[in-house]
Structures are given as C-alpha cells and as structure tokens.
Amino acid sequence: MKRFLVALVLFALFGLSSGVVAQTNILDGVYIKEHPSERKFIPYTYLREADVMWSKRIWRKMDLTQKMNHVFYYPKDNIQGRKSLMKVIYDGIVEDGTLVPYADVNDGDFSEVMTKANIVAMLNRMDTSYVPDPENPDNTIQKIYEVKFQPSSVKEFKIKEDWFFDKQRSVMDVRIIGICPVMEEEKNGSVRKKSLFWIYFPEARVVFANSEVYNRQNDAERRTIEDLFWKRQFSSFIYKESNVYDRLIQDYREGMDALAESEKIKEDIFNVEHDLWEF
C-alpha cells in the first residue's frame, strides 16, 4: 500500500512538471479576442433606381502618409493580428483567394479580371546589380535578382464612389464602388507612382470586416477596416468628378487652384442636399 501511494505521488509530480514544460496555452493579454473574427458588415439599404433623385460619381485620393490615415498604413509587419490595408488586400488576392483584382482601365470599370499570376508578376520585379567576379576579382559581373513586393511601398489609394439622394429615405448617401492601390517605384533615379489594380469594394467588405486596425483611444475597442470606411474616418481629396470631358482636375487647374476646385466639388454636393430641404 505504501509503495502504491509513493508511486501515485511520483506520478502526480511528474504530470505536473511535464504539464508545465508542455504548456502552450499562452495568452498575450487578459482575454481571448473573438470580436474581429466574428464581425459581420452592415448590409446596404436596398435602393431602387426610381428612388435616386440625384447622383454624382467622385474619385478621391487617400494619402496614407497623413496622420489620420496612418491606421491604414501601419503596421508594416503583422502585429497582434493587425495588418496594413495593402497587406490585407495582397493576402486576400495571393494567399487566400478571397479578393478578385481588376485591371486599371477606364478608371476602374471592373471589365478585365486579373489572375493571381498577373498580380505576382506585376508586384515582384527583376533587377540587376554588379558584383565581383569570383574567378577574376578585378572584374565585375552582372547579377539578376528578384525584388519582393513590400506593402509599405503603397502609400496612396484611389477611391471611386457614388453620392446620391435617396428620396425613399430622404437622405444624401454615399457608397464606395472600388479602391485602387498606388505604388511608389524608383526608376532611373526618380520615383514615380503606379496604379496597380482595382478591388470591387462591396465584395471586399467581407474581408475588411474581419481585419482589425489600431484604435488610438481604446485598446479594448478594436475597429476594423470596414468600420473606418463605413464611418468615413479617413482623409482624402477629390481629384476627379464625372464630367462631359472625362478629365481630371489637374487637367484644368494647378496648385492651389486644384485644391480649391476639389473643395468646391465637395461644397456643391453639400449645397445639393441643402437645396432639397429648402422651402
């Protein structure tokens, strides 16, 4: 009986020690975060063509270097489940296949679908450098190497959206139609911007609703990319509106005049709504 009790105690001690060593349920925090992964986006209100009294198509540019837009640009590396907006889009196309890219033609009319291979070939480029020749150190040879895509090279997004007045609900509303990442690339000593592809925003809302972003005021109240777009919590400026010439603002305005024209377009939208309620 004594031997049995001794064996039982030793077995219990061994189990406790091995359990400590094999412990893998480490929680980096005080609770398990389940909120972002279970989020569902808010569906759009049903809209009939007959209820749209007025509409205007607008194109915007969202500069990620602006402080208000930093939550879309950071983190550059994945931190606590958070990714940058471009990293979310890249993973959705290349890794998960949950997003469909469209070629940047006709201001993003979603007429030409791009494949995963197209995106990889576009983002990962080949470059050359000169290195010492192993057989003759006095000479150099040309070496070709692949430059991997860095999501941090995307510092700007183009946004296509429709503003409209819904007479059924008596509200001025806006819906984002598509977004397009703009990459900075260096060529011949100069940096130029290159529009990559368009993402159909209504399809991407499922992915964005599960993509967490940083909240400056409260770590416990995590928001998602979908939340920021839904609540219009981003900074941008208008670079084009629908017009008979199909031209950009920069085609007929320069410098501060272009900025003033952008503000004028926003004021015109506000005045349309205001005039509808004027008796």
C-alpha atoms as a PDB file:
ATOM      1  CA  MET A   1       0.000   0.000   0.000  1.00  0.00           C
ATOM      2  CA  LYS A   2       2.844   2.359   0.836  1.00  0.00           C
ATOM      3  CA  ARG A   3       4.541   1.601  -2.479  1.00  0.00           C
ATOM      4  CA  PHE A   4       1.306   2.349  -4.302  1.00  0.00           C
ATOM      5  CA  LEU A   5       0.913   5.727  -2.548  1.00  0.00           C
ATOM      6  CA  VAL A   6       4.555   6.631  -3.259  1.00  0.00           C
ATOM      7  CA  ALA A   7       4.118   5.705  -6.925  1.00  0.00           C
ATOM      8  CA  LEU A   8       0.915   7.746  -7.110  1.00  0.00           C
ATOM      9  CA  VAL A   9       2.626  10.821  -5.637  1.00  0.00           C
ATOM     10  CA  LEU A  10       5.583  10.486  -8.013  1.00  0.00           C
ATOM     11  CA  PHE A  11       3.233  10.114 -10.975  1.00  0.00           C
ATOM     12  CA  ALA A  12       1.321  13.230  -9.930  1.00  0.00           C
ATOM     13  CA  LEU A  13       4.533  15.229  -9.525  1.00  0.00           C
ATOM     14  CA  PHE A  14       5.780  14.055 -12.917  1.00  0.00           C
ATOM     15  CA  GLY A  15       2.496  15.010 -14.517  1.00  0.00           C
ATOM     16  CA  LEU A  16       2.626  18.496 -13.037  1.00  0.00           C
ATOM     17  CA  SER A  17       6.222  19.047 -14.118  1.00  0.00           C
ATOM     18  CA  SER A  18       5.618  17.760 -17.642  1.00  0.00           C
ATOM     19  CA  GLY A  19       2.463  19.855 -17.879  1.00  0.00           C
ATOM     20  CA  VAL A  20       4.440  22.981 -17.041  1.00  0.00           C
ATOM     21  CA  VAL A  21       7.039  22.190 -19.680  1.00  0.00           C
ATOM     22  CA  ALA A  22       4.452  21.340 -22.323  1.00  0.00           C
ATOM     23  CA  GLN A  23       2.228  24.329 -21.543  1.00  0.00           C
ATOM     24  CA  THR A  24       1.380  26.021 -24.832  1.00  0.00           C
ATOM     25  CA  ASN A  25      -1.816  27.910 -23.991  1.00  0.00           C
ATOM     26  CA  ILE A  26      -0.068  31.250 -23.549  1.00  0.00           C
ATOM     27  CA  LEU A  27      -2.401  34.236 -23.805  1.00  0.00           C
ATOM     28  CA  ASP A  28      -0.809  37.555 -24.754  1.00  0.00           C
ATOM     29  CA  GLY A  29      -3.382  39.605 -22.872  1.00  0.00           C
ATOM     30  CA  VAL A  30      -6.136  39.229 -20.310  1.00  0.00           C
ATOM     31  CA  TYR A  31      -8.878  37.827 -22.552  1.00  0.00           C
ATOM     32  CA  ILE A  32      -9.363  35.942 -25.819  1.00  0.00           C
ATOM     33  CA  LYS A  33     -10.128  38.315 -28.674  1.00  0.00           C
ATOM     34  CA  GLU A  34     -13.073  36.999 -30.645  1.00  0.00           C
ATOM     35  CA  HIS A  35     -14.716  40.236 -31.764  1.00  0.00           C
ATOM     36  CA  PRO A  36     -12.983  40.975 -35.120  1.00  0.00           C
ATOM     37  CA  SER A  37     -13.114  37.402 -36.397  1.00  0.00           C
ATOM     38  CA  GLU A  38     -16.884  37.251 -35.814  1.00  0.00           C
ATOM     39  CA  ARG A  39     -17.746  40.662 -37.230  1.00  0.00           C
ATOM     40  CA  LYS A  40     -20.340  40.961 -39.979  1.00  0.00           C
ATOM     41  CA  PHE A  41     -20.546  44.025 -42.174  1.00  0.00           C
ATOM     42  CA  ILE A  42     -23.704  46.124 -42.191  1.00  0.00           C
ATOM     43  CA  PRO A  43     -25.639  45.390 -45.399  1.00  0.00           C
ATOM     44  CA  TYR A  44     -26.520  48.266 -47.674  1.00  0.00           C
ATOM     45  CA  THR A  45     -30.096  49.515 -47.685  1.00  0.00           C
ATOM     46  CA  TYR A  46     -31.985  48.307 -50.733  1.00  0.00           C
ATOM     47  CA  LEU A  47     -32.004  51.024 -53.367  1.00  0.00           C
ATOM     48  CA  ARG A  48     -34.286  51.367 -56.384  1.00  0.00           C
ATOM     49  CA  GLU A  49     -33.350  53.397 -59.439  1.00  0.00           C
ATOM     50  CA  ALA A  50     -36.669  55.245 -59.155  1.00  0.00           C
ATOM     51  CA  ASP A  51     -35.718  56.488 -55.674  1.00  0.00           C
ATOM     52  CA  VAL A  52     -32.459  58.132 -56.782  1.00  0.00           C
ATOM     53  CA  MET A  53     -33.288  61.785 -57.426  1.00  0.00           C
ATOM     54  CA  TRP A  54     -29.689  62.909 -57.918  1.00  0.00           C
ATOM     55  CA  SER A  55     -26.285  61.232 -58.134  1.00  0.00           C
ATOM     56  CA  LYS A  56     -22.671  62.166 -58.790  1.00  0.00           C
ATOM     57  CA  ARG A  57     -19.607  59.967 -59.275  1.00  0.00           C
ATOM     58  CA  ILE A  58     -16.479  61.081 -57.451  1.00  0.00           C
ATOM     59  CA  TRP A  59     -12.869  59.891 -57.488  1.00  0.00           C
ATOM     60  CA  ARG A  60     -10.685  60.521 -54.451  1.00  0.00           C
ATOM     61  CA  LYS A  61      -7.080  60.009 -53.400  1.00  0.00           C
ATOM     62  CA  MET A  62      -6.306  58.843 -49.877  1.00  0.00           C
ATOM     63  CA  ASP A  63      -2.746  59.697 -48.812  1.00  0.00           C
ATOM     64  CA  LEU A  64      -1.583  57.166 -46.208  1.00  0.00           C
ATOM     65  CA  THR A  65       1.214  59.473 -45.010  1.00  0.00           C
ATOM     66  CA  GLN A  66      -1.387  61.771 -43.449  1.00  0.00           C
ATOM     67  CA  LYS A  67      -1.799  61.234 -39.726  1.00  0.00           C
ATOM     68  CA  MET A  68      -5.490  60.369 -39.910  1.00  0.00           C
ATOM     69  CA  ASN A  69      -4.724  57.603 -42.428  1.00  0.00           C
ATOM     70  CA  HIS A  70      -1.832  56.008 -40.525  1.00  0.00           C
ATOM     71  CA  VAL A  71      -4.100  53.191 -39.334  1.00  0.00           C
ATOM     72  CA  PHE A  72      -4.318  52.030 -42.969  1.00  0.00           C
ATOM     73  CA  TYR A  73      -0.522  52.141 -43.482  1.00  0.00           C
ATOM     74  CA  TYR A  74       0.711  50.605 -40.219  1.00  0.00           C
ATOM     75  CA  PRO A  75       1.858  48.162 -39.027  1.00  0.00           C
ATOM     76  CA  LYS A  76       4.444  47.395 -41.698  1.00  0.00           C
ATOM     77  CA  ASP A  77       4.817  43.915 -40.182  1.00  0.00           C
ATOM     78  CA  ASN A  78       1.927  41.911 -38.730  1.00  0.00           C
ATOM     79  CA  ILE A  79       1.428  42.785 -35.055  1.00  0.00           C
ATOM     80  CA  GLN A  80      -1.149  41.112 -32.784  1.00  0.00           C
ATOM     81  CA  GLY A  81      -3.280  40.103 -35.733  1.00  0.00           C
ATOM     82  CA  ARG A  82      -3.250  43.577 -37.283  1.00  0.00           C
ATOM     83  CA  LYS A  83      -2.169  44.216 -40.884  1.00  0.00           C
ATOM     84  CA  SER A  84      -1.903  47.238 -43.104  1.00  0.00           C
ATOM     85  CA  LEU A  85      -4.624  47.795 -45.702  1.00  0.00           C
ATOM     86  CA  MET A  86      -2.307  46.818 -48.565  1.00  0.00           C
ATOM     87  CA  LYS A  87      -1.200  43.664 -46.738  1.00  0.00           C
ATOM     88  CA  VAL A  88      -4.830  42.650 -46.233  1.00  0.00           C
ATOM     89  CA  ILE A  89      -5.529  43.148 -49.937  1.00  0.00           C
ATOM     90  CA  TYR A  90      -2.347  41.338 -51.002  1.00  0.00           C
ATOM     91  CA  ASP A  91      -3.093  38.329 -48.783  1.00  0.00           C
ATOM     92  CA  GLY A  92      -6.696  38.302 -49.961  1.00  0.00           C
ATOM     93  CA  ILE A  93      -5.550  38.021 -53.588  1.00  0.00           C
ATOM     94  CA  VAL A  94      -2.368  35.948 -53.425  1.00  0.00           C
ATOM     95  CA  GLU A  95      -2.704  33.866 -50.259  1.00  0.00           C
ATOM     96  CA  ASP A  96      -6.428  33.342 -49.627  1.00  0.00           C
ATOM     97  CA  GLY A  97      -8.031  33.995 -52.994  1.00  0.00           C
ATOM     98  CA  THR A  98     -10.884  35.891 -51.316  1.00  0.00           C
ATOM     99  CA  LEU A  99     -10.428  39.064 -53.381  1.00  0.00           C
ATOM    100  CA  VAL A 100     -10.630  39.495 -57.139  1.00  0.00           C
ATOM    101  CA  PRO A 101      -8.405  42.176 -58.753  1.00  0.00           C
ATOM    102  CA  TYR A 102      -9.419  44.096 -61.852  1.00  0.00           C
ATOM    103  CA  ALA A 103      -7.151  45.880 -64.324  1.00  0.00           C
ATOM    104  CA  ASP A 104      -6.789  49.651 -64.054  1.00  0.00           C
ATOM    105  CA  VAL A 105      -8.637  50.564 -67.253  1.00  0.00           C
ATOM    106  CA  ASN A 106     -11.311  53.239 -67.776  1.00  0.00           C
ATOM    107  CA  ASP A 107     -10.958  54.493 -64.190  1.00  0.00           C
ATOM    108  CA  GLY A 108     -11.745  51.050 -62.838  1.00  0.00           C
ATOM    109  CA  ASP A 109     -14.803  49.792 -64.679  1.00  0.00           C
ATOM    110  CA  PHE A 110     -14.181  46.185 -63.494  1.00  0.00           C
ATOM    111  CA  SER A 111     -14.288  44.863 -67.052  1.00  0.00           C
ATOM    112  CA  GLU A 112     -10.963  42.986 -67.057  1.00  0.00           C
ATOM    113  CA  VAL A 113     -10.248  40.403 -64.370  1.00  0.00           C
ATOM    114  CA  MET A 114      -6.622  39.828 -63.383  1.00  0.00           C
ATOM    115  CA  THR A 115      -5.285  36.488 -62.173  1.00  0.00           C
ATOM    116  CA  LYS A 116      -3.094  35.736 -59.205  1.00  0.00           C
ATOM    117  CA  ALA A 117      -0.182  35.157 -61.587  1.00  0.00           C
ATOM    118  CA  ASN A 118      -0.747  38.610 -63.111  1.00  0.00           C
ATOM    119  CA  ILE A 119      -0.576  40.241 -59.688  1.00  0.00           C
ATOM    120  CA  VAL A 120       2.569  38.355 -58.617  1.00  0.00           C
ATOM    121  CA  ALA A 121       4.310  39.250 -61.886  1.00  0.00           C
ATOM    122  CA  MET A 122       3.283  42.883 -61.513  1.00  0.00           C
ATOM    123  CA  LEU A 123       4.365  43.329 -57.897  1.00  0.00           C
ATOM    124  CA  ASN A 124       7.570  41.273 -57.868  1.00  0.00           C
ATOM    125  CA  ARG A 125      10.107  42.698 -60.294  1.00  0.00           C
ATOM    126  CA  MET A 126      13.549  41.671 -61.504  1.00  0.00           C
ATOM    127  CA  ASP A 127      16.579  43.908 -61.008  1.00  0.00           C
ATOM    128  CA  THR A 128      20.307  43.783 -61.757  1.00  0.00           C
ATOM    129  CA  SER A 129      23.459  44.619 -59.855  1.00  0.00           C
ATOM    130  CA  TYR A 130      27.178  44.296 -60.428  1.00  0.00           C
ATOM    131  CA  VAL A 131      29.212  42.048 -58.112  1.00  0.00           C
ATOM    132  CA  PRO A 132      32.872  40.942 -58.114  1.00  0.00           C
ATOM    133  CA  ASP A 133      33.670  38.061 -60.449  1.00  0.00           C
ATOM    134  CA  PRO A 134      34.576  35.001 -58.324  1.00  0.00           C
ATOM    135  CA  GLU A 135      37.025  33.831 -60.980  1.00  0.00           C
ATOM    136  CA  ASN A 136      38.549  37.264 -61.538  1.00  0.00           C
ATOM    137  CA  PRO A 137      38.156  39.677 -58.562  1.00  0.00           C
ATOM    138  CA  ASP A 138      39.407  42.574 -60.688  1.00  0.00           C
ATOM    139  CA  ASN A 139      36.286  42.355 -62.871  1.00  0.00           C
ATOM    140  CA  THR A 140      32.578  42.588 -62.123  1.00  0.00           C
ATOM    141  CA  ILE A 141      29.704  40.564 -63.453  1.00  0.00           C
ATOM    142  CA  GLN A 142      26.019  41.336 -63.758  1.00  0.00           C
ATOM    143  CA  LYS A 143      23.724  39.533 -61.326  1.00  0.00           C
ATOM    144  CA  ILE A 144      19.961  39.312 -61.788  1.00  0.00           C
ATOM    145  CA  TYR A 145      17.839  39.043 -58.669  1.00  0.00           C
ATOM    146  CA  GLU A 146      14.171  39.286 -57.737  1.00  0.00           C
ATOM    147  CA  VAL A 147      12.864  42.211 -55.703  1.00  0.00           C
ATOM    148  CA  LYS A 148       9.984  41.081 -53.497  1.00  0.00           C
ATOM    149  CA  PHE A 149       6.949  43.306 -53.165  1.00  0.00           C
ATOM    150  CA  GLN A 150       6.747  45.381 -49.992  1.00  0.00           C
ATOM    151  CA  PRO A 151       3.246  46.512 -48.945  1.00  0.00           C
ATOM    152  CA  SER A 152       4.830  49.609 -47.399  1.00  0.00           C
ATOM    153  CA  SER A 153       5.621  50.852 -50.931  1.00  0.00           C
ATOM    154  CA  VAL A 154       1.897  51.585 -51.340  1.00  0.00           C
ATOM    155  CA  LYS A 155       1.317  54.989 -49.757  1.00  0.00           C
ATOM    156  CA  GLU A 156      -1.785  56.045 -51.635  1.00  0.00           C
ATOM    157  CA  PHE A 157      -5.188  54.657 -52.606  1.00  0.00           C
ATOM    158  CA  LYS A 158      -7.645  55.842 -55.214  1.00  0.00           C
ATOM    159  CA  ILE A 159     -11.308  55.589 -54.239  1.00  0.00           C
ATOM    160  CA  LYS A 160     -14.267  55.590 -56.620  1.00  0.00           C
ATOM    161  CA  GLU A 161     -17.608  56.354 -55.013  1.00  0.00           C
ATOM    162  CA  ASP A 162     -21.163  57.425 -55.850  1.00  0.00           C
ATOM    163  CA  TRP A 163     -23.020  60.151 -53.972  1.00  0.00           C
ATOM    164  CA  PHE A 164     -26.799  60.074 -54.328  1.00  0.00           C
ATOM    165  CA  PHE A 165     -30.000  61.353 -52.754  1.00  0.00           C
ATOM    166  CA  ASP A 166     -32.470  58.626 -51.824  1.00  0.00           C
ATOM    167  CA  LYS A 167     -35.963  60.137 -51.801  1.00  0.00           C
ATOM    168  CA  GLN A 168     -37.423  56.998 -50.207  1.00  0.00           C
ATOM    169  CA  ARG A 169     -35.363  57.608 -47.053  1.00  0.00           C
ATOM    170  CA  SER A 170     -34.863  61.356 -47.651  1.00  0.00           C
ATOM    171  CA  VAL A 171     -31.104  61.159 -47.126  1.00  0.00           C
ATOM    172  CA  MET A 172     -27.926  62.018 -49.002  1.00  0.00           C
ATOM    173  CA  ASP A 173     -25.847  58.848 -49.027  1.00  0.00           C
ATOM    174  CA  VAL A 174     -22.550  57.617 -50.428  1.00  0.00           C
ATOM    175  CA  ARG A 175     -21.268  54.186 -51.393  1.00  0.00           C
ATOM    176  CA  ILE A 176     -17.724  53.255 -52.272  1.00  0.00           C
ATOM    177  CA  ILE A 177     -17.568  51.314 -55.528  1.00  0.00           C
ATOM    178  CA  GLY A 178     -13.893  50.440 -55.737  1.00  0.00           C
ATOM    179  CA  ILE A 179     -10.415  51.126 -54.366  1.00  0.00           C
ATOM    180  CA  CYS A 180      -7.080  51.066 -56.167  1.00  0.00           C
ATOM    181  CA  PRO A 181      -3.624  50.884 -54.515  1.00  0.00           C
ATOM    182  CA  VAL A 182      -0.963  53.210 -55.918  1.00  0.00           C
ATOM    183  CA  MET A 183       2.637  52.040 -55.551  1.00  0.00           C
ATOM    184  CA  GLU A 184       5.768  54.134 -55.499  1.00  0.00           C
ATOM    185  CA  GLU A 185       8.589  52.674 -57.570  1.00  0.00           C
ATOM    186  CA  GLU A 186      12.053  54.010 -58.304  1.00  0.00           C
ATOM    187  CA  LYS A 187      13.206  54.012 -61.889  1.00  0.00           C
ATOM    188  CA  ASN A 188      16.246  55.762 -63.392  1.00  0.00           C
ATOM    189  CA  GLY A 189      16.846  57.648 -60.169  1.00  0.00           C
ATOM    190  CA  SER A 190      13.325  59.070 -59.936  1.00  0.00           C
ATOM    191  CA  VAL A 191      10.271  57.916 -58.010  1.00  0.00           C
ATOM    192  CA  ARG A 192       7.015  57.564 -59.897  1.00  0.00           C
ATOM    193  CA  LYS A 193       3.538  56.437 -58.889  1.00  0.00           C
ATOM    194  CA  LYS A 194       1.907  53.426 -60.495  1.00  0.00           C
ATOM    195  CA  SER A 195      -1.744  52.428 -60.156  1.00  0.00           C
ATOM    196  CA  LEU A 196      -1.834  48.665 -59.636  1.00  0.00           C
ATOM    197  CA  PHE A 197      -5.396  47.276 -59.851  1.00  0.00           C
ATOM    198  CA  TRP A 198      -8.926  47.852 -58.633  1.00  0.00           C
ATOM    199  CA  ILE A 199     -10.814  45.954 -55.956  1.00  0.00           C
ATOM    200  CA  TYR A 200     -14.617  45.873 -56.079  1.00  0.00           C
ATOM    201  CA  PHE A 201     -15.433  47.305 -52.665  1.00  0.00           C
ATOM    202  CA  PRO A 202     -18.793  45.580 -51.966  1.00  0.00           C
ATOM    203  CA  GLU A 203     -17.045  42.194 -52.362  1.00  0.00           C
ATOM    204  CA  ALA A 204     -14.103  43.267 -50.189  1.00  0.00           C
ATOM    205  CA  ARG A 205     -16.321  44.291 -47.268  1.00  0.00           C
ATOM    206  CA  VAL A 206     -16.383  40.689 -46.024  1.00  0.00           C
ATOM    207  CA  VAL A 207     -12.590  40.671 -45.755  1.00  0.00           C
ATOM    208  CA  PHE A 208     -12.328  44.204 -44.361  1.00  0.00           C
ATOM    209  CA  ALA A 209     -14.899  43.468 -41.642  1.00  0.00           C
ATOM    210  CA  ASN A 210     -12.519  40.854 -40.197  1.00  0.00           C
ATOM    211  CA  SER A 211      -9.371  42.994 -40.477  1.00  0.00           C
ATOM    212  CA  GLU A 212      -8.578  44.752 -37.233  1.00  0.00           C
ATOM    213  CA  VAL A 213      -6.998  48.219 -37.040  1.00  0.00           C
ATOM    214  CA  TYR A 214      -5.456  50.195 -34.218  1.00  0.00           C
ATOM    215  CA  ASN A 215      -7.632  52.420 -32.047  1.00  0.00           C
ATOM    216  CA  ARG A 216      -5.708  55.353 -30.565  1.00  0.00           C
ATOM    217  CA  GLN A 217      -8.185  55.950 -27.748  1.00  0.00           C
ATOM    218  CA  ASN A 218      -9.033  52.454 -26.510  1.00  0.00           C
ATOM    219  CA  ASP A 219      -7.198  49.124 -26.914  1.00  0.00           C
ATOM    220  CA  ALA A 220     -10.303  47.219 -25.796  1.00  0.00           C
ATOM    221  CA  GLU A 221     -12.498  48.698 -28.525  1.00  0.00           C
ATOM    222  CA  ARG A 222     -10.941  47.356 -31.691  1.00  0.00           C
ATOM    223  CA  ARG A 223     -12.194  48.614 -35.014  1.00  0.00           C
ATOM    224  CA  THR A 224     -11.920  47.113 -38.456  1.00  0.00           C
ATOM    225  CA  ILE A 225     -11.073  48.488 -41.879  1.00  0.00           C
ATOM    226  CA  GLU A 226     -14.752  48.190 -42.768  1.00  0.00           C
ATOM    227  CA  ASP A 227     -15.654  50.356 -39.745  1.00  0.00           C
ATOM    228  CA  LEU A 228     -13.349  53.151 -40.884  1.00  0.00           C
ATOM    229  CA  PHE A 229     -14.745  53.210 -44.418  1.00  0.00           C
ATOM    230  CA  TRP A 230     -18.350  52.877 -43.215  1.00  0.00           C
ATOM    231  CA  LYS A 231     -17.952  55.785 -40.771  1.00  0.00           C
ATOM    232  CA  ARG A 232     -15.884  57.817 -43.267  1.00  0.00           C
ATOM    233  CA  GLN A 233     -12.965  58.024 -40.828  1.00  0.00           C
ATOM    234  CA  PHE A 234     -10.297  58.763 -43.398  1.00  0.00           C
ATOM    235  CA  SER A 235      -8.799  61.825 -45.023  1.00  0.00           C
ATOM    236  CA  SER A 236      -8.880  62.289 -48.800  1.00  0.00           C
ATOM    237  CA  PHE A 237      -9.218  64.844 -51.568  1.00  0.00           C
ATOM    238  CA  ILE A 238     -11.182  64.780 -54.814  1.00  0.00           C
ATOM    239  CA  TYR A 239      -9.140  64.538 -57.998  1.00  0.00           C
ATOM    240  CA  LYS A 240     -11.994  63.946 -60.447  1.00  0.00           C
ATOM    241  CA  GLU A 241     -15.753  64.176 -60.811  1.00  0.00           C
ATOM    242  CA  SER A 242     -17.920  62.848 -63.597  1.00  0.00           C
ATOM    243  CA  ASN A 243     -17.864  65.416 -66.411  1.00  0.00           C
ATOM    244  CA  VAL A 244     -18.536  65.720 -70.119  1.00  0.00           C
ATOM    245  CA  TYR A 245     -14.806  65.904 -70.965  1.00  0.00           C
ATOM    246  CA  ASP A 246     -13.847  62.944 -68.729  1.00  0.00           C
ATOM    247  CA  ARG A 247     -10.902  64.959 -67.435  1.00  0.00           C
ATOM    248  CA  LEU A 248      -9.105  65.221 -64.111  1.00  0.00           C
ATOM    249  CA  ILE A 249      -8.992  68.354 -62.009  1.00  0.00           C
ATOM    250  CA  GLN A 250      -5.270  68.645 -62.720  1.00  0.00           C
ATOM    251  CA  ASP A 251      -6.078  68.906 -66.433  1.00  0.00           C
ATOM    252  CA  TYR A 252      -7.627  72.353 -65.961  1.00  0.00           C
ATOM    253  CA  ARG A 253      -6.418  73.511 -62.524  1.00  0.00           C
ATOM    254  CA  GLU A 254      -2.943  73.634 -60.984  1.00  0.00           C
ATOM    255  CA  GLY A 255      -1.514  74.062 -57.490  1.00  0.00           C
ATOM    256  CA  MET A 256      -3.793  75.800 -55.014  1.00  0.00           C
ATOM    257  CA  ASP A 257      -6.424  76.258 -57.698  1.00  0.00           C
ATOM    258  CA  ALA A 258      -6.711  72.466 -57.995  1.00  0.00           C
ATOM    259  CA  LEU A 259      -7.181  72.172 -54.231  1.00  0.00           C
ATOM    260  CA  ALA A 260      -9.798  74.929 -54.297  1.00  0.00           C
ATOM    261  CA  GLU A 261     -11.617  73.115 -57.114  1.00  0.00           C
ATOM    262  CA  SER A 262     -11.647  69.919 -55.042  1.00  0.00           C
ATOM    263  CA  GLU A 263     -13.198  71.790 -52.116  1.00  0.00           C
ATOM    264  CA  LYS A 264     -15.718  73.409 -54.463  1.00  0.00           C
ATOM    265  CA  ILE A 265     -16.932  69.984 -55.628  1.00  0.00           C
ATOM    266  CA  LYS A 266     -17.472  68.911 -52.017  1.00  0.00           C
ATOM    267  CA  GLU A 267     -19.350  72.141 -51.312  1.00  0.00           C
ATOM    268  CA  ASP A 268     -21.543  71.602 -54.378  1.00  0.00           C
ATOM    269  CA  ILE A 269     -22.596  68.187 -53.043  1.00  0.00           C
ATOM    270  CA  PHE A 270     -23.467  69.776 -49.704  1.00  0.00           C
ATOM    271  CA  ASN A 271     -25.452  72.509 -51.439  1.00  0.00           C
ATOM    272  CA  VAL A 272     -27.463  69.950 -53.421  1.00  0.00           C
ATOM    273  CA  GLU A 273     -28.631  68.326 -50.208  1.00  0.00           C
ATOM    274  CA  HIS A 274     -29.266  71.711 -48.611  1.00  0.00           C
ATOM    275  CA  ASP A 275     -31.329  72.953 -51.542  1.00  0.00           C
ATOM    276  CA  LEU A 276     -33.523  69.857 -51.474  1.00  0.00           C
ATOM    277  CA  TRP A 277     -34.652  70.767 -47.958  1.00  0.00           C
ATOM    278  CA  GLU A 278     -35.140  74.497 -48.668  1.00  0.00           C
ATOM    279  CA  PHE A 279     -38.737  75.624 -48.872  1.00  0.00           C
END
